[in-house]
Amino acid sequence: MALTRLPGSKWWVETDDVTSEIIGTYNKAFITADIQACNATLANLPDPSREATDVSGVLNLIEKSAWTDARKARVTTLVNEMHSAYQGVPQSLETAQLIVKRDALVILRDRLV
């Protein structure tokens, strides 16, 4: 794939090296604006990595508690099941998709030199 900047503009054209067909057209300013919009939206949504760290911390506290082994196992299973169910909530899925989109846009923007 080859990226060519159109002279005198902020547009790039991506072409297939084999077929010479246009695969996409990109405007760096638009991509940067999309990245900023993604970041603004993500700032208002739960952070999946922070949540995973929090769940891990809770599981660690359960393990260190003075509870019986049976209660520890029961509560650990409950926390893991709740976290798994929460990850299937539409907002969590949308957050993950938005992170993937933002990361792809960042990679594309970095290719536009």
Protein backbone atom coordinates (compact mmCIF):
# COMPACT_ATOMS: atom_id res chain seq x y z
CA MET A 1 0.00 0.00 0.00
CA ALA A 2 1.36 3.37 -0.98
CA LEU A 3 0.34 6.70 0.51
CA THR A 4 0.71 9.76 -1.70
CA ARG A 5 0.09 13.30 -0.55
CA LEU A 6 -1.74 15.42 -3.06
CA PRO A 7 0.43 18.48 -3.76
CA GLY A 8 -0.71 21.66 -2.06
CA SER A 9 -3.40 19.95 0.03
CA LYS A 10 -3.92 18.10 3.29
CA TRP A 11 -5.20 15.00 1.50
CA TRP A 12 -3.46 11.66 1.05
CA VAL A 13 -4.46 8.91 -1.34
CA GLU A 14 -3.72 5.27 -0.54
CA THR A 15 -3.29 2.97 -3.53
CA ASP A 16 -2.80 -0.76 -3.90
CA ASP A 17 0.75 -1.50 -5.08
CA VAL A 18 -0.39 -4.37 -7.30
CA THR A 19 -3.59 -3.08 -8.88
CA SER A 20 -2.94 0.67 -8.53
CA GLU A 21 -6.53 1.06 -7.35
CA ILE A 22 -7.39 3.73 -4.81
CA ILE A 23 -8.04 2.12 -1.45
CA GLY A 24 -8.73 5.23 0.57
CA THR A 25 -8.44 8.98 0.81
CA TYR A 26 -7.45 10.64 4.05
CA ASN A 27 -7.33 14.14 5.47
CA LYS A 28 -4.94 14.44 8.41
CA ALA A 29 -6.94 17.24 10.05
CA PHE A 30 -10.12 15.15 9.93
CA ILE A 31 -8.30 12.13 11.37
CA THR A 32 -6.84 14.24 14.18
CA ALA A 33 -10.31 15.62 14.95
CA ASP A 34 -11.72 12.08 15.05
CA ILE A 35 -8.96 11.02 17.46
CA GLN A 36 -9.74 13.98 19.72
CA ALA A 37 -13.45 13.13 19.63
CA CYS A 38 -12.70 9.52 20.55
CA ASN A 39 -10.50 10.67 23.45
CA ALA A 40 -13.20 13.07 24.67
CA THR A 41 -15.81 10.31 24.61
CA LEU A 42 -13.48 7.83 26.28
CA ALA A 43 -12.80 10.33 29.07
CA ASN A 44 -16.46 9.98 30.08
CA LEU A 45 -16.53 6.18 29.91
CA PRO A 46 -15.11 3.57 32.29
CA ASP A 47 -11.49 2.62 31.57
CA PRO A 48 -11.31 -1.16 30.93
CA SER A 49 -7.71 -1.48 32.10
CA ARG A 50 -8.45 0.41 35.32
CA GLU A 51 -11.49 -1.79 35.90
CA ALA A 52 -9.42 -4.93 35.38
CA THR A 53 -6.91 -3.62 37.91
CA ASP A 54 -9.74 -2.88 40.35
CA VAL A 55 -11.19 -6.38 39.99
CA SER A 56 -7.74 -7.85 40.52
CA GLY A 57 -7.38 -5.74 43.66
CA VAL A 58 -10.72 -6.92 44.98
CA LEU A 59 -9.78 -10.54 44.33
CA ASN A 60 -6.48 -9.96 46.15
CA LEU A 61 -8.36 -8.52 49.16
CA ILE A 62 -10.67 -11.52 49.19
CA GLU A 63 -7.71 -13.89 49.16
CA LYS A 64 -6.05 -12.05 52.07
CA SER A 65 -9.25 -11.91 54.14
CA ALA A 66 -9.81 -13.96 57.27
CA TRP A 67 -12.78 -15.69 55.68
CA THR A 68 -13.05 -19.45 55.40
CA ASP A 69 -11.73 -21.05 52.21
CA ALA A 70 -15.28 -21.93 51.16
CA ARG A 71 -16.43 -18.32 51.50
CA LYS A 72 -13.35 -17.02 49.68
CA ALA A 73 -14.05 -19.41 46.80
CA ARG A 74 -17.73 -18.47 46.69
CA VAL A 75 -17.08 -14.71 46.74
CA THR A 76 -14.22 -15.01 44.22
CA THR A 77 -16.53 -16.88 41.84
CA LEU A 78 -19.22 -14.24 42.35
CA VAL A 79 -16.84 -11.34 41.62
CA ASN A 80 -15.48 -13.09 38.51
CA GLU A 81 -18.99 -13.82 37.23
CA MET A 82 -20.11 -10.23 37.85
CA HIS A 83 -17.07 -8.88 36.03
CA SER A 84 -17.64 -11.25 33.10
CA ALA A 85 -21.29 -10.22 32.89
CA TYR A 86 -20.32 -6.55 33.07
CA GLN A 87 -17.91 -6.95 30.17
CA GLY A 88 -20.85 -8.04 28.03
CA VAL A 89 -22.79 -4.83 28.74
CA PRO A 90 -23.21 -2.74 25.56
CA GLN A 91 -21.33 0.23 27.06
CA SER A 92 -18.28 -1.95 27.78
CA LEU A 93 -18.36 -3.32 24.23
CA GLU A 94 -18.72 0.19 22.79
CA THR A 95 -15.79 1.38 24.89
CA ALA A 96 -13.61 -1.45 23.61
CA GLN A 97 -14.63 -0.74 20.00
CA LEU A 98 -13.94 2.97 20.43
CA ILE A 99 -10.46 2.23 21.81
CA VAL A 100 -9.72 0.02 18.81
CA LYS A 101 -10.99 2.71 16.42
CA ARG A 102 -8.92 5.41 18.11
CA ASP A 103 -5.77 3.26 18.04
CA ALA A 104 -6.28 2.53 14.32
CA LEU A 105 -6.72 6.24 13.62
CA VAL A 106 -3.53 7.05 15.53
CA ILE A 107 -1.61 4.50 13.44
CA LEU A 108 -3.08 5.94 10.24
CA ARG A 109 -2.30 9.51 11.29
CA ASP A 110 1.28 8.53 12.04
CA ARG A 111 1.61 7.09 8.53
CA LEU A 112 0.59 10.43 7.03
CA VAL A 113 3.95 12.17 7.04
